[in-house]
Amino acid sequence: MEQKQKTGRPAGSKTADREVVTFVSSRCRACDSTERTHYKEKNRVEGYGVAPDGKPYTAVNLRPTKCQTCGQCRIDREYEYVPETANPN
């Protein structure tokens, strides 16, 4: 009869330290609520620049949604930064 192999972290090993990153949910400008419907689609606009927080971006994702509290329609804007990778050849 085979014994089941234990899964998970080995006994005695320490938990790895992880960096904590803060994420701020978008808010409705009309009622200040963070409750929203699911995003309908995602429109990606390629380009580069500096986001409002001062960090560079390489693309902007535009996501239409609607406030669940007051019904106000809005487009959430997400700035994305993907650094250039070295040529693998």
Protein backbone atom coordinates (compact mmCIF):
# COMPACT_ATOMS: atom_id res chain seq x y z
CA MET A 1 0.00 0.00 0.00
CA GLU A 2 1.36 3.40 -1.02
CA GLN A 3 1.53 6.29 1.41
CA LYS A 4 0.21 9.62 0.25
CA GLN A 5 2.95 12.18 -0.25
CA LYS A 6 2.57 15.22 1.98
CA THR A 7 1.97 18.46 0.16
CA GLY A 8 2.89 21.97 1.20
CA ARG A 9 5.86 23.51 2.88
CA PRO A 10 8.35 21.15 4.52
CA ALA A 11 8.26 20.97 8.30
CA GLY A 12 10.54 23.53 9.96
CA SER A 13 10.83 25.83 6.95
CA LYS A 14 10.07 29.49 7.49
CA THR A 15 7.41 31.55 5.77
CA ALA A 16 8.90 33.72 3.06
CA ASP A 17 8.68 37.49 3.56
CA ARG A 18 6.54 39.11 0.90
CA GLU A 19 6.34 42.70 -0.17
CA VAL A 20 2.99 44.37 0.55
CA VAL A 21 1.64 46.42 -2.34
CA THR A 22 -1.22 48.88 -1.86
CA PHE A 23 -4.04 48.80 -4.40
CA VAL A 24 -6.60 51.60 -4.43
CA SER A 25 -10.03 50.71 -5.86
CA SER A 26 -11.62 53.17 -8.24
CA ARG A 27 -14.45 55.31 -6.85
CA CYS A 28 -17.58 56.78 -8.36
CA ARG A 29 -17.22 60.54 -8.77
CA ALA A 30 -20.94 61.07 -8.08
CA CYS A 31 -21.34 59.13 -4.78
CA ASP A 32 -17.76 58.08 -3.83
CA SER A 33 -18.71 54.37 -3.74
CA THR A 34 -16.23 51.61 -4.68
CA GLU A 35 -19.06 49.16 -5.56
CA ARG A 36 -19.24 48.59 -9.31
CA THR A 37 -20.54 46.15 -11.89
CA HIS A 38 -18.19 43.75 -13.66
CA TYR A 39 -16.04 45.27 -16.36
CA LYS A 40 -17.72 44.86 -19.75
CA GLU A 41 -14.60 44.75 -21.89
CA LYS A 42 -11.07 46.04 -21.84
CA ASN A 43 -9.73 48.47 -24.42
CA ARG A 44 -5.94 48.62 -24.43
CA VAL A 45 -4.20 51.71 -25.76
CA GLU A 46 -0.49 51.21 -26.44
CA GLY A 47 1.75 54.16 -25.75
CA TYR A 48 4.05 55.49 -23.11
CA GLY A 49 4.08 58.40 -20.74
CA VAL A 50 3.89 59.29 -17.07
CA ALA A 51 0.84 58.33 -14.99
CA PRO A 52 -0.78 60.77 -12.52
CA ASP A 53 1.21 59.15 -9.68
CA GLY A 54 4.45 60.10 -11.46
CA LYS A 55 5.41 56.58 -12.57
CA PRO A 56 6.02 55.64 -16.21
CA TYR A 57 3.57 53.51 -18.21
CA THR A 58 3.68 51.65 -21.51
CA ALA A 59 -0.07 51.08 -22.01
CA VAL A 60 -3.43 52.27 -20.68
CA ASN A 61 -6.34 49.88 -20.12
CA LEU A 62 -9.79 51.48 -20.36
CA ARG A 63 -12.56 49.48 -18.67
CA PRO A 64 -16.23 50.53 -18.91
CA THR A 65 -18.24 49.86 -15.73
CA LYS A 66 -21.21 51.19 -13.76
CA CYS A 67 -21.61 52.23 -10.12
CA GLN A 68 -23.84 49.76 -8.26
CA THR A 69 -24.88 52.40 -5.73
CA CYS A 70 -26.09 55.26 -7.94
CA GLY A 71 -25.96 53.81 -11.48
CA GLN A 72 -23.41 56.32 -12.82
CA CYS A 73 -21.52 54.94 -15.85
CA ARG A 74 -17.76 55.43 -15.91
CA ILE A 75 -14.57 54.23 -17.55
CA ASP A 76 -11.84 53.06 -15.17
CA ARG A 77 -8.34 53.84 -16.41
CA GLU A 78 -5.46 51.53 -15.46
CA TYR A 79 -1.86 52.47 -16.26
CA GLU A 80 0.37 49.50 -17.02
CA TYR A 81 4.14 49.35 -17.18
CA VAL A 82 5.90 46.44 -18.87
CA PRO A 83 9.66 46.97 -19.05
CA GLU A 84 11.44 46.13 -22.27
CA THR A 85 13.03 42.70 -22.15
CA ALA A 86 16.52 41.96 -23.39
CA ASN A 87 16.71 40.36 -26.83
CA PRO A 88 16.98 36.57 -26.18
CA ASN A 89 18.86 35.99 -29.48
